[in-house]
Amino acid sequence: MGHCKTSYVCLPCRASYKQPYDSWRERRCPRCARVMIHAGSAFAPPPRRDKAAWRTLTLLLNAGVGFHKTCCGGPGYRPRELREARAWLARRRPTHSL
């Protein structure tokens, strides 16, 4: 039986690689040797030349948003533009009142 593969992303290189998931193993980019971010098994990378999409993706991944499959058929809504992403993240953050 094979291992399920998931996507790891190198934001500086704007590259995505499907590799077996190991929670304990650090993945490094084959191009620049930087640590890659686990994006999830439902991740679909934008084209490398689409700088705006990669800026949005950088914001989402650095905020801890993943693209993981769920029982309902996918990761759900993910914003595609930077303005949408900022507003979406602001709504998702819980507000704590003292």
PDB file of N, CA and C in Angstrom:
ATOM      1  N   MET A   1       0.848  -1.172   0.000  1.00  0.00           N
ATOM      2  CA  MET A   1       0.000   0.000   0.000  1.00  0.00           C
ATOM      3  C   MET A   1       0.895   1.238   0.000  1.00  0.00           C
ATOM      4  N   GLY A   2       0.640   2.198  -0.871  1.00  0.00           N
ATOM      5  CA  GLY A   2       1.441   3.408  -0.965  1.00  0.00           C
ATOM      6  C   GLY A   2       1.017   4.465   0.041  1.00  0.00           C
ATOM      7  N   HIS A   3       1.894   5.410   0.241  1.00  0.00           N
ATOM      8  CA  HIS A   3       1.601   6.521   1.141  1.00  0.00           C
ATOM      9  C   HIS A   3       0.798   7.584   0.410  1.00  0.00           C
ATOM     10  N   CYS A   4      -0.082   8.244   1.126  1.00  0.00           N
ATOM     11  CA  CYS A   4      -0.814   9.360   0.550  1.00  0.00           C
ATOM     12  C   CYS A   4       0.147  10.523   0.389  1.00  0.00           C
ATOM     13  N   LYS A   5       0.021  11.231  -0.708  1.00  0.00           N
ATOM     14  CA  LYS A   5       0.899  12.370  -0.936  1.00  0.00           C
ATOM     15  C   LYS A   5       0.155  13.666  -0.659  1.00  0.00           C
ATOM     16  N   THR A   6       0.906  14.658  -0.268  1.00  0.00           N
ATOM     17  CA  THR A   6       0.375  15.965   0.049  1.00  0.00           C
ATOM     18  C   THR A   6       1.316  17.016  -0.521  1.00  0.00           C
ATOM     19  N   SER A   7       0.866  18.241  -0.606  1.00  0.00           N
ATOM     20  CA  SER A   7       1.672  19.297  -1.208  1.00  0.00           C
ATOM     21  C   SER A   7       2.488  20.054  -0.183  1.00  0.00           C
ATOM     22  N   TYR A   8       3.724  20.324  -0.563  1.00  0.00           N
ATOM     23  CA  TYR A   8       4.616  21.198   0.189  1.00  0.00           C
ATOM     24  C   TYR A   8       4.988  22.339  -0.736  1.00  0.00           C
ATOM     25  N   VAL A   9       5.037  23.560  -0.184  1.00  0.00           N
ATOM     26  CA  VAL A   9       5.224  24.751  -1.014  1.00  0.00           C
ATOM     27  C   VAL A   9       6.476  25.508  -0.580  1.00  0.00           C
ATOM     28  N   CYS A  10       7.246  25.953  -1.573  1.00  0.00           N
ATOM     29  CA  CYS A  10       8.350  26.873  -1.341  1.00  0.00           C
ATOM     30  C   CYS A  10       7.892  28.221  -1.890  1.00  0.00           C
ATOM     31  N   LEU A  11       7.610  29.148  -0.994  1.00  0.00           N
ATOM     32  CA  LEU A  11       7.082  30.453  -1.415  1.00  0.00           C
ATOM     33  C   LEU A  11       8.103  31.292  -2.188  1.00  0.00           C
ATOM     34  N   PRO A  12       9.387  31.356  -1.777  1.00  0.00           N
ATOM     35  CA  PRO A  12      10.338  32.156  -2.550  1.00  0.00           C
ATOM     36  C   PRO A  12      10.524  31.655  -3.986  1.00  0.00           C
ATOM     37  N   CYS A  13      10.482  30.339  -4.186  1.00  0.00           N
ATOM     38  CA  CYS A  13      10.646  29.770  -5.536  1.00  0.00           C
ATOM     39  C   CYS A  13       9.326  29.698  -6.302  1.00  0.00           C
ATOM     40  N   ARG A  14       8.217  29.920  -5.603  1.00  0.00           N
ATOM     41  CA  ARG A  14       6.874  29.751  -6.177  1.00  0.00           C
ATOM     42  C   ARG A  14       6.740  28.354  -6.797  1.00  0.00           C
ATOM     43  N   ALA A  15       7.031  27.347  -5.968  1.00  0.00           N
ATOM     44  CA  ALA A  15       7.003  25.969  -6.433  1.00  0.00           C
ATOM     45  C   ALA A  15       6.269  25.092  -5.418  1.00  0.00           C
ATOM     46  N   SER A  16       5.630  24.052  -5.932  1.00  0.00           N
ATOM     47  CA  SER A  16       4.894  23.106  -5.105  1.00  0.00           C
ATOM     48  C   SER A  16       5.339  21.698  -5.471  1.00  0.00           C
ATOM     49  N   TYR A  17       5.472  20.852  -4.450  1.00  0.00           N
ATOM     50  CA  TYR A  17       5.911  19.479  -4.661  1.00  0.00           C
ATOM     51  C   TYR A  17       5.003  18.542  -3.881  1.00  0.00           C
ATOM     52  N   LYS A  18       4.551  17.464  -4.536  1.00  0.00           N
ATOM     53  CA  LYS A  18       3.759  16.429  -3.873  1.00  0.00           C
ATOM     54  C   LYS A  18       4.733  15.407  -3.304  1.00  0.00           C
ATOM     55  N   GLN A  19       4.616  15.176  -2.002  1.00  0.00           N
ATOM     56  CA  GLN A  19       5.484  14.222  -1.326  1.00  0.00           C
ATOM     57  C   GLN A  19       4.681  13.501  -0.254  1.00  0.00           C
ATOM     58  N   PRO A  20       5.156  12.320   0.177  1.00  0.00           N
ATOM     59  CA  PRO A  20       4.465  11.629   1.266  1.00  0.00           C
ATOM     60  C   PRO A  20       4.468  12.485   2.526  1.00  0.00           C
ATOM     61  N   TYR A  21       3.386  12.428   3.272  1.00  0.00           N
ATOM     62  CA  TYR A  21       3.274  13.242   4.480  1.00  0.00           C
ATOM     63  C   TYR A  21       3.970  12.564   5.647  1.00  0.00           C
ATOM     64  N   ASP A  22       4.861  13.299   6.285  1.00  0.00           N
ATOM     65  CA  ASP A  22       5.504  12.895   7.538  1.00  0.00           C
ATOM     66  C   ASP A  22       5.442  14.106   8.441  1.00  0.00           C
ATOM     67  N   SER A  23       4.720  14.007   9.551  1.00  0.00           N
ATOM     68  CA  SER A  23       4.578  15.164  10.440  1.00  0.00           C
ATOM     69  C   SER A  23       5.886  15.503  11.144  1.00  0.00           C
ATOM     70  N   TRP A  24       6.771  14.559  11.278  1.00  0.00           N
ATOM     71  CA  TRP A  24       8.011  14.769  12.018  1.00  0.00           C
ATOM     72  C   TRP A  24       9.168  15.192  11.127  1.00  0.00           C
ATOM     73  N   ARG A  25       8.989  15.108   9.822  1.00  0.00           N
ATOM     74  CA  ARG A  25      10.094  15.362   8.894  1.00  0.00           C
ATOM     75  C   ARG A  25       9.986  16.750   8.283  1.00  0.00           C
ATOM     76  N   GLU A  26      11.068  17.474   8.300  1.00  0.00           N
ATOM     77  CA  GLU A  26      11.127  18.805   7.688  1.00  0.00           C
ATOM     78  C   GLU A  26      11.433  18.637   6.201  1.00  0.00           C
ATOM     79  N   ARG A  27      10.641  19.267   5.362  1.00  0.00           N
ATOM     80  CA  ARG A  27      10.854  19.182   3.909  1.00  0.00           C
ATOM     81  C   ARG A  27      11.605  20.415   3.435  1.00  0.00           C
ATOM     82  N   ARG A  28      12.572  20.219   2.557  1.00  0.00           N
ATOM     83  CA  ARG A  28      13.359  21.322   2.011  1.00  0.00           C
ATOM     84  C   ARG A  28      13.163  21.386   0.504  1.00  0.00           C
ATOM     85  N   CYS A  29      13.180  22.601   0.002  1.00  0.00           N
ATOM     86  CA  CYS A  29      13.005  22.839  -1.436  1.00  0.00           C
ATOM     87  C   CYS A  29      14.215  22.305  -2.201  1.00  0.00           C
ATOM     88  N   PRO A  30      13.983  21.555  -3.276  1.00  0.00           N
ATOM     89  CA  PRO A  30      15.111  21.071  -4.070  1.00  0.00           C
ATOM     90  C   PRO A  30      15.829  22.187  -4.837  1.00  0.00           C
ATOM     91  N   ARG A  31      15.192  23.333  -4.995  1.00  0.00           N
ATOM     92  CA  ARG A  31      15.813  24.444  -5.722  1.00  0.00           C
ATOM     93  C   ARG A  31      16.696  25.308  -4.827  1.00  0.00           C
ATOM     94  N   CYS A  32      16.151  25.714  -3.644  1.00  0.00           N
ATOM     95  CA  CYS A  32      16.862  26.692  -2.808  1.00  0.00           C
ATOM     96  C   CYS A  32      17.240  26.157  -1.431  1.00  0.00           C
ATOM     97  N   ALA A  33      16.795  24.968  -1.085  1.00  0.00           N
ATOM     98  CA  ALA A  33      17.085  24.295   0.181  1.00  0.00           C
ATOM     99  C   ALA A  33      16.422  24.954   1.399  1.00  0.00           C
ATOM    100  N   ARG A  34      15.479  25.866   1.201  1.00  0.00           N
ATOM    101  CA  ARG A  34      14.728  26.438   2.322  1.00  0.00           C
ATOM    102  C   ARG A  34      13.647  25.470   2.764  1.00  0.00           C
ATOM    103  N   VAL A  35      13.206  25.637   4.005  1.00  0.00           N
ATOM    104  CA  VAL A  35      12.137  24.790   4.535  1.00  0.00           C
ATOM    105  C   VAL A  35      10.832  25.118   3.813  1.00  0.00           C
ATOM    106  N   MET A  36      10.116  24.072   3.399  1.00  0.00           N
ATOM    107  CA  MET A  36       8.845  24.259   2.709  1.00  0.00           C
ATOM    108  C   MET A  36       7.694  24.206   3.704  1.00  0.00           C
ATOM    109  N   ILE A  37       6.564  24.774   3.306  1.00  0.00           N
ATOM    110  CA  ILE A  37       5.353  24.806   4.117  1.00  0.00           C
ATOM    111  C   ILE A  37       4.408  23.705   3.643  1.00  0.00           C
ATOM    112  N   HIS A  38       3.836  22.985   4.606  1.00  0.00           N
ATOM    113  CA  HIS A  38       2.847  21.957   4.272  1.00  0.00           C
ATOM    114  C   HIS A  38       1.542  22.652   3.897  1.00  0.00           C
ATOM    115  N   ALA A  39       1.097  22.501   2.649  1.00  0.00           N
ATOM    116  CA  ALA A  39      -0.102  23.185   2.170  1.00  0.00           C
ATOM    117  C   ALA A  39      -1.337  22.305   2.228  1.00  0.00           C
ATOM    118  N   GLY A  40      -1.186  20.991   2.159  1.00  0.00           N
ATOM    119  CA  GLY A  40      -2.329  20.092   2.224  1.00  0.00           C
ATOM    120  C   GLY A  40      -2.527  19.298   0.949  1.00  0.00           C
ATOM    121  N   SER A  41      -3.337  18.270   1.052  1.00  0.00           N
ATOM    122  CA  SER A  41      -3.529  17.367  -0.082  1.00  0.00           C
ATOM    123  C   SER A  41      -4.497  17.907  -1.130  1.00  0.00           C
ATOM    124  N   ALA A  42      -5.277  18.930  -0.808  1.00  0.00           N
ATOM    125  CA  ALA A  42      -6.225  19.508  -1.765  1.00  0.00           C
ATOM    126  C   ALA A  42      -5.684  20.796  -2.380  1.00  0.00           C
ATOM    127  N   PHE A  43      -4.389  21.043  -2.240  1.00  0.00           N
ATOM    128  CA  PHE A  43      -3.779  22.270  -2.742  1.00  0.00           C
ATOM    129  C   PHE A  43      -3.556  22.197  -4.250  1.00  0.00           C
ATOM    130  N   ALA A  44      -3.909  23.271  -4.928  1.00  0.00           N
ATOM    131  CA  ALA A  44      -3.647  23.411  -6.363  1.00  0.00           C
ATOM    132  C   ALA A  44      -2.849  24.704  -6.546  1.00  0.00           C
ATOM    133  N   PRO A  45      -1.586  24.608  -6.936  1.00  0.00           N
ATOM    134  CA  PRO A  45      -0.752  25.809  -7.022  1.00  0.00           C
ATOM    135  C   PRO A  45      -1.153  26.707  -8.184  1.00  0.00           C
ATOM    136  N   PRO A  46      -1.023  28.007  -7.988  1.00  0.00           N
ATOM    137  CA  PRO A  46      -1.242  28.915  -9.118  1.00  0.00           C
ATOM    138  C   PRO A  46      -0.047  28.853 -10.065  1.00  0.00           C
ATOM    139  N   PRO A  47      -0.186  29.360 -11.281  1.00  0.00           N
ATOM    140  CA  PRO A  47       0.966  29.401 -12.179  1.00  0.00           C
ATOM    141  C   PRO A  47       2.097  30.236 -11.564  1.00  0.00           C
ATOM    142  N   ARG A  48       3.327  29.834 -11.810  1.00  0.00           N
ATOM    143  CA  ARG A  48       4.481  30.514 -11.230  1.00  0.00           C
ATOM    144  C   ARG A  48       4.533  31.996 -11.625  1.00  0.00           C
ATOM    145  N   ARG A  49       4.062  32.336 -12.782  1.00  0.00           N
ATOM    146  CA  ARG A  49       4.124  33.728 -13.263  1.00  0.00           C
ATOM    147  C   ARG A  49       3.040  34.625 -12.649  1.00  0.00           C
ATOM    148  N   ASP A  50       2.058  34.037 -11.957  1.00  0.00           N
ATOM    149  CA  ASP A  50       0.957  34.796 -11.364  1.00  0.00           C
ATOM    150  C   ASP A  50       1.372  35.323  -9.982  1.00  0.00           C
ATOM    151  N   LYS A  51       2.066  36.455  -9.972  1.00  0.00           N
ATOM    152  CA  LYS A  51       2.620  37.012  -8.734  1.00  0.00           C
ATOM    153  C   LYS A  51       1.532  37.385  -7.732  1.00  0.00           C
ATOM    154  N   ALA A  52       0.416  37.894  -8.188  1.00  0.00           N
ATOM    155  CA  ALA A  52      -0.673  38.290  -7.289  1.00  0.00           C
ATOM    156  C   ALA A  52      -1.234  37.075  -6.555  1.00  0.00           C
ATOM    157  N   ALA A  53      -1.405  35.975  -7.258  1.00  0.00           N
ATOM    158  CA  ALA A  53      -1.920  34.751  -6.622  1.00  0.00           C
ATOM    159  C   ALA A  53      -0.932  34.215  -5.596  1.00  0.00           C
ATOM    160  N   TRP A  54       0.348  34.311  -5.873  1.00  0.00           N
ATOM    161  CA  TRP A  54       1.356  33.840  -4.926  1.00  0.00           C
ATOM    162  C   TRP A  54       1.443  34.757  -3.709  1.00  0.00           C
ATOM    163  N   ARG A  55       1.205  36.055  -3.873  1.00  0.00           N
ATOM    164  CA  ARG A  55       1.155  36.959  -2.712  1.00  0.00           C
ATOM    165  C   ARG A  55      -0.007  36.578  -1.801  1.00  0.00           C
ATOM    166  N   THR A  56      -1.155  36.302  -2.400  1.00  0.00           N
ATOM    167  CA  THR A  56      -2.331  35.880  -1.630  1.00  0.00           C
ATOM    168  C   THR A  56      -2.058  34.558  -0.936  1.00  0.00           C
ATOM    169  N   LEU A  57      -1.472  33.620  -1.662  1.00  0.00           N
ATOM    170  CA  LEU A  57      -1.146  32.318  -1.094  1.00  0.00           C
ATOM    171  C   LEU A  57      -0.154  32.457   0.063  1.00  0.00           C
ATOM    172  N   THR A  58       0.818  33.331  -0.066  1.00  0.00           N
ATOM    173  CA  THR A  58       1.789  33.573   1.002  1.00  0.00           C
ATOM    174  C   THR A  58       1.083  34.051   2.265  1.00  0.00           C
ATOM    175  N   LEU A  59       0.160  34.990   2.105  1.00  0.00           N
ATOM    176  CA  LEU A  59      -0.601  35.494   3.248  1.00  0.00           C
ATOM    177  C   LEU A  59      -1.383  34.366   3.919  1.00  0.00           C
ATOM    178  N   LEU A  60      -2.053  33.540   3.129  1.00  0.00           N
ATOM    179  CA  LEU A  60      -2.869  32.459   3.681  1.00  0.00           C
ATOM    180  C   LEU A  60      -2.024  31.401   4.384  1.00  0.00           C
ATOM    181  N   LEU A  61      -0.953  30.943   3.741  1.00  0.00           N
ATOM    182  CA  LEU A  61      -0.132  29.892   4.336  1.00  0.00           C
ATOM    183  C   LEU A  61       0.579  30.379   5.594  1.00  0.00           C
ATOM    184  N   ASN A  62       1.057  31.612   5.578  1.00  0.00           N
ATOM    185  CA  ASN A  62       1.720  32.153   6.766  1.00  0.00           C
ATOM    186  C   ASN A  62       0.742  32.384   7.918  1.00  0.00           C
ATOM    187  N   ALA A  63      -0.543  32.501   7.602  1.00  0.00           N
ATOM    188  CA  ALA A  63      -1.572  32.644   8.632  1.00  0.00           C
ATOM    189  C   ALA A  63      -2.047  31.282   9.152  1.00  0.00           C
ATOM    190  N   GLY A  64      -1.498  30.203   8.575  1.00  0.00           N
ATOM    191  CA  GLY A  64      -1.862  28.865   9.044  1.00  0.00           C
ATOM    192  C   GLY A  64      -3.037  28.235   8.335  1.00  0.00           C
ATOM    193  N   VAL A  65      -3.473  28.824   7.243  1.00  0.00           N
ATOM    194  CA  VAL A  65      -4.593  28.267   6.477  1.00  0.00           C
ATOM    195  C   VAL A  65      -4.057  27.123   5.627  1.00  0.00           C
ATOM    196  N   GLY A  66      -4.726  25.984   5.672  1.00  0.00           N
ATOM    197  CA  GLY A  66      -4.317  24.830   4.902  1.00  0.00           C
ATOM    198  C   GLY A  66      -5.345  24.471   3.846  1.00  0.00           C
ATOM    199  N   PHE A  67      -4.934  23.629   2.943  1.00  0.00           N
ATOM    200  CA  PHE A  67      -5.794  23.159   1.862  1.00  0.00           C
ATOM    201  C   PHE A  67      -5.910  21.644   2.012  1.00  0.00           C
ATOM    202  N   HIS A  68      -6.683  21.223   3.004  1.00  0.00           N
ATOM    203  CA  HIS A  68      -6.804  19.809   3.344  1.00  0.00           C
ATOM    204  C   HIS A  68      -8.168  19.297   2.927  1.00  0.00           C
ATOM    205  N   LYS A  69      -8.201  18.060   2.461  1.00  0.00           N
ATOM    206  CA  LYS A  69      -9.471  17.439   2.087  1.00  0.00           C
ATOM    207  C   LYS A  69     -10.296  17.210   3.340  1.00  0.00           C
ATOM    208  N   THR A  70     -11.591  17.339   3.185  1.00  0.00           N
ATOM    209  CA  THR A  70     -12.499  17.042   4.282  1.00  0.00           C
ATOM    210  C   THR A  70     -13.510  16.022   3.801  1.00  0.00           C
ATOM    211  N   CYS A  71     -14.374  15.618   4.682  1.00  0.00           N
ATOM    212  CA  CYS A  71     -15.395  14.648   4.303  1.00  0.00           C
ATOM    213  C   CYS A  71     -16.391  15.234   3.308  1.00  0.00           C
ATOM    214  N   CYS A  72     -16.416  16.556   3.194  1.00  0.00           N
ATOM    215  CA  CYS A  72     -17.398  17.231   2.335  1.00  0.00           C
ATOM    216  C   CYS A  72     -16.878  17.504   0.929  1.00  0.00           C
ATOM    217  N   GLY A  73     -15.696  17.037   0.587  1.00  0.00           N
ATOM    218  CA  GLY A  73     -15.233  17.141  -0.781  1.00  0.00           C
ATOM    219  C   GLY A  73     -14.222  18.240  -1.068  1.00  0.00           C
ATOM    220  N   GLY A  74     -13.534  18.738  -0.101  1.00  0.00           N
ATOM    221  CA  GLY A  74     -12.501  19.724  -0.386  1.00  0.00           C
ATOM    222  C   GLY A  74     -12.269  20.670   0.767  1.00  0.00           C
ATOM    223  N   PRO A  75     -11.360  21.620   0.563  1.00  0.00           N
ATOM    224  CA  PRO A  75     -11.000  22.511   1.662  1.00  0.00           C
ATOM    225  C   PRO A  75     -11.989  23.628   1.917  1.00  0.00           C
ATOM    226  N   GLY A  76     -12.984  23.772   1.070  1.00  0.00           N
ATOM    227  CA  GLY A  76     -13.924  24.875   1.238  1.00  0.00           C
ATOM    228  C   GLY A  76     -13.433  26.135   0.555  1.00  0.00           C
ATOM    229  N   TYR A  77     -14.076  27.230   0.863  1.00  0.00           N
ATOM    230  CA  TYR A  77     -13.749  28.496   0.224  1.00  0.00           C
ATOM    231  C   TYR A  77     -12.345  28.971   0.620  1.00  0.00           C
ATOM    232  N   ARG A  78     -11.591  29.419  -0.364  1.00  0.00           N
ATOM    233  CA  ARG A  78     -10.309  30.066  -0.139  1.00  0.00           C
ATOM    234  C   ARG A  78     -10.263  31.294  -1.042  1.00  0.00           C
ATOM    235  N   PRO A  79      -9.977  32.472  -0.476  1.00  0.00           N
ATOM    236  CA  PRO A  79      -9.944  33.693  -1.285  1.00  0.00           C
ATOM    237  C   PRO A  79      -8.823  33.651  -2.311  1.00  0.00           C
ATOM    238  N   ARG A  80      -9.058  34.316  -3.427  1.00  0.00           N
ATOM    239  CA  ARG A  80      -8.086  34.308  -4.516  1.00  0.00           C
ATOM    240  C   ARG A  80      -7.360  35.634  -4.691  1.00  0.00           C
ATOM    241  N   GLU A  81      -7.888  36.703  -4.107  1.00  0.00           N
ATOM    242  CA  GLU A  81      -7.258  38.015  -4.232  1.00  0.00           C
ATOM    243  C   GLU A  81      -6.812  38.486  -2.849  1.00  0.00           C
ATOM    244  N   LEU A  82      -5.758  39.292  -2.833  1.00  0.00           N
ATOM    245  CA  LEU A  82      -5.155  39.738  -1.585  1.00  0.00           C
ATOM    246  C   LEU A  82      -6.154  40.491  -0.707  1.00  0.00           C
ATOM    247  N   ARG A  83      -6.940  41.367  -1.292  1.00  0.00           N
ATOM    248  CA  ARG A  83      -7.935  42.127  -0.532  1.00  0.00           C
ATOM    249  C   ARG A  83      -8.965  41.192   0.104  1.00  0.00           C
ATOM    250  N   GLU A  84      -9.437  40.223  -0.675  1.00  0.00           N
ATOM    251  CA  GLU A  84     -10.388  39.232  -0.154  1.00  0.00           C
ATOM    252  C   GLU A  84      -9.761  38.424   0.973  1.00  0.00           C
ATOM    253  N   ALA A  85      -8.499  38.037   0.806  1.00  0.00           N
ATOM    254  CA  ALA A  85      -7.816  37.216   1.802  1.00  0.00           C
ATOM    255  C   ALA A  85      -7.676  37.958   3.124  1.00  0.00           C
ATOM    256  N   ARG A  86      -7.302  39.228   3.065  1.00  0.00           N
ATOM    257  CA  ARG A  86      -7.165  40.011   4.300  1.00  0.00           C
ATOM    258  C   ARG A  86      -8.496  40.120   5.032  1.00  0.00           C
ATOM    259  N   ALA A  87      -9.559  40.394   4.296  1.00  0.00           N
ATOM    260  CA  ALA A  87     -10.888  40.506   4.907  1.00  0.00           C
ATOM    261  C   ALA A  87     -11.343  39.151   5.460  1.00  0.00           C
ATOM    262  N   TRP A  88     -11.095  38.101   4.724  1.00  0.00           N
ATOM    263  CA  TRP A  88     -11.492  36.752   5.136  1.00  0.00           C
ATOM    264  C   TRP A  88     -10.757  36.345   6.408  1.00  0.00           C
ATOM    265  N   LEU A  89      -9.455  36.620   6.464  1.00  0.00           N
ATOM    266  CA  LEU A  89      -8.678  36.292   7.655  1.00  0.00           C
ATOM    267  C   LEU A  89      -9.129  37.121   8.859  1.00  0.00           C
ATOM    268  N   ALA A  90      -9.461  38.380   8.632  1.00  0.00           N
ATOM    269  CA  ALA A  90      -9.929  39.236   9.732  1.00  0.00           C
ATOM    270  C   ALA A  90     -11.232  38.697  10.320  1.00  0.00           C
ATOM    271  N   ARG A  91     -12.121  38.185   9.480  1.00  0.00           N
ATOM    272  CA  ARG A  91     -13.382  37.607   9.962  1.00  0.00           C
ATOM    273  C   ARG A  91     -13.159  36.290  10.691  1.00  0.00           C
ATOM    274  N   ARG A  92     -12.137  35.532  10.309  1.00  0.00           N
ATOM    275  CA  ARG A  92     -11.871  34.227  10.928  1.00  0.00           C
ATOM    276  C   ARG A  92     -11.203  34.335  12.283  1.00  0.00           C
ATOM    277  N   ARG A  93     -10.467  35.410  12.526  1.00  0.00           N
ATOM    278  CA  ARG A  93      -9.754  35.555  13.792  1.00  0.00           C
ATOM    279  C   ARG A  93     -10.749  35.801  14.925  1.00  0.00           C
ATOM    280  N   PRO A  94     -10.640  35.008  15.970  1.00  0.00           N
ATOM    281  CA  PRO A  94     -11.564  35.238  17.096  1.00  0.00           C
ATOM    282  C   PRO A  94     -11.193  36.521  17.830  1.00  0.00           C
ATOM    283  N   THR A  95     -12.196  37.221  18.278  1.00  0.00           N
ATOM    284  CA  THR A  95     -11.948  38.431  19.066  1.00  0.00           C
ATOM    285  C   THR A  95     -12.088  38.069  20.527  1.00  0.00           C
ATOM    286  N   HIS A  96     -11.137  38.461  21.311  1.00  0.00           N
ATOM    287  CA  HIS A  96     -11.146  38.177  22.743  1.00  0.00           C
ATOM    288  C   HIS A  96     -11.382  39.485  23.491  1.00  0.00           C
ATOM    289  N   SER A  97     -12.429  39.515  24.248  1.00  0.00           N
ATOM    290  CA  SER A  97     -12.680  40.718  25.053  1.00  0.00           C
ATOM    291  C   SER A  97     -12.350  40.413  26.499  1.00  0.00           C
ATOM    292  N   LEU A  98     -11.764  41.373  27.163  1.00  0.00           N
ATOM    293  CA  LEU A  98     -11.364  41.190  28.558  1.00  0.00           C
ATOM    294  C   LEU A  98     -12.395  41.749  29.494  1.00  0.00           C
TER     295      LEU A  98
END
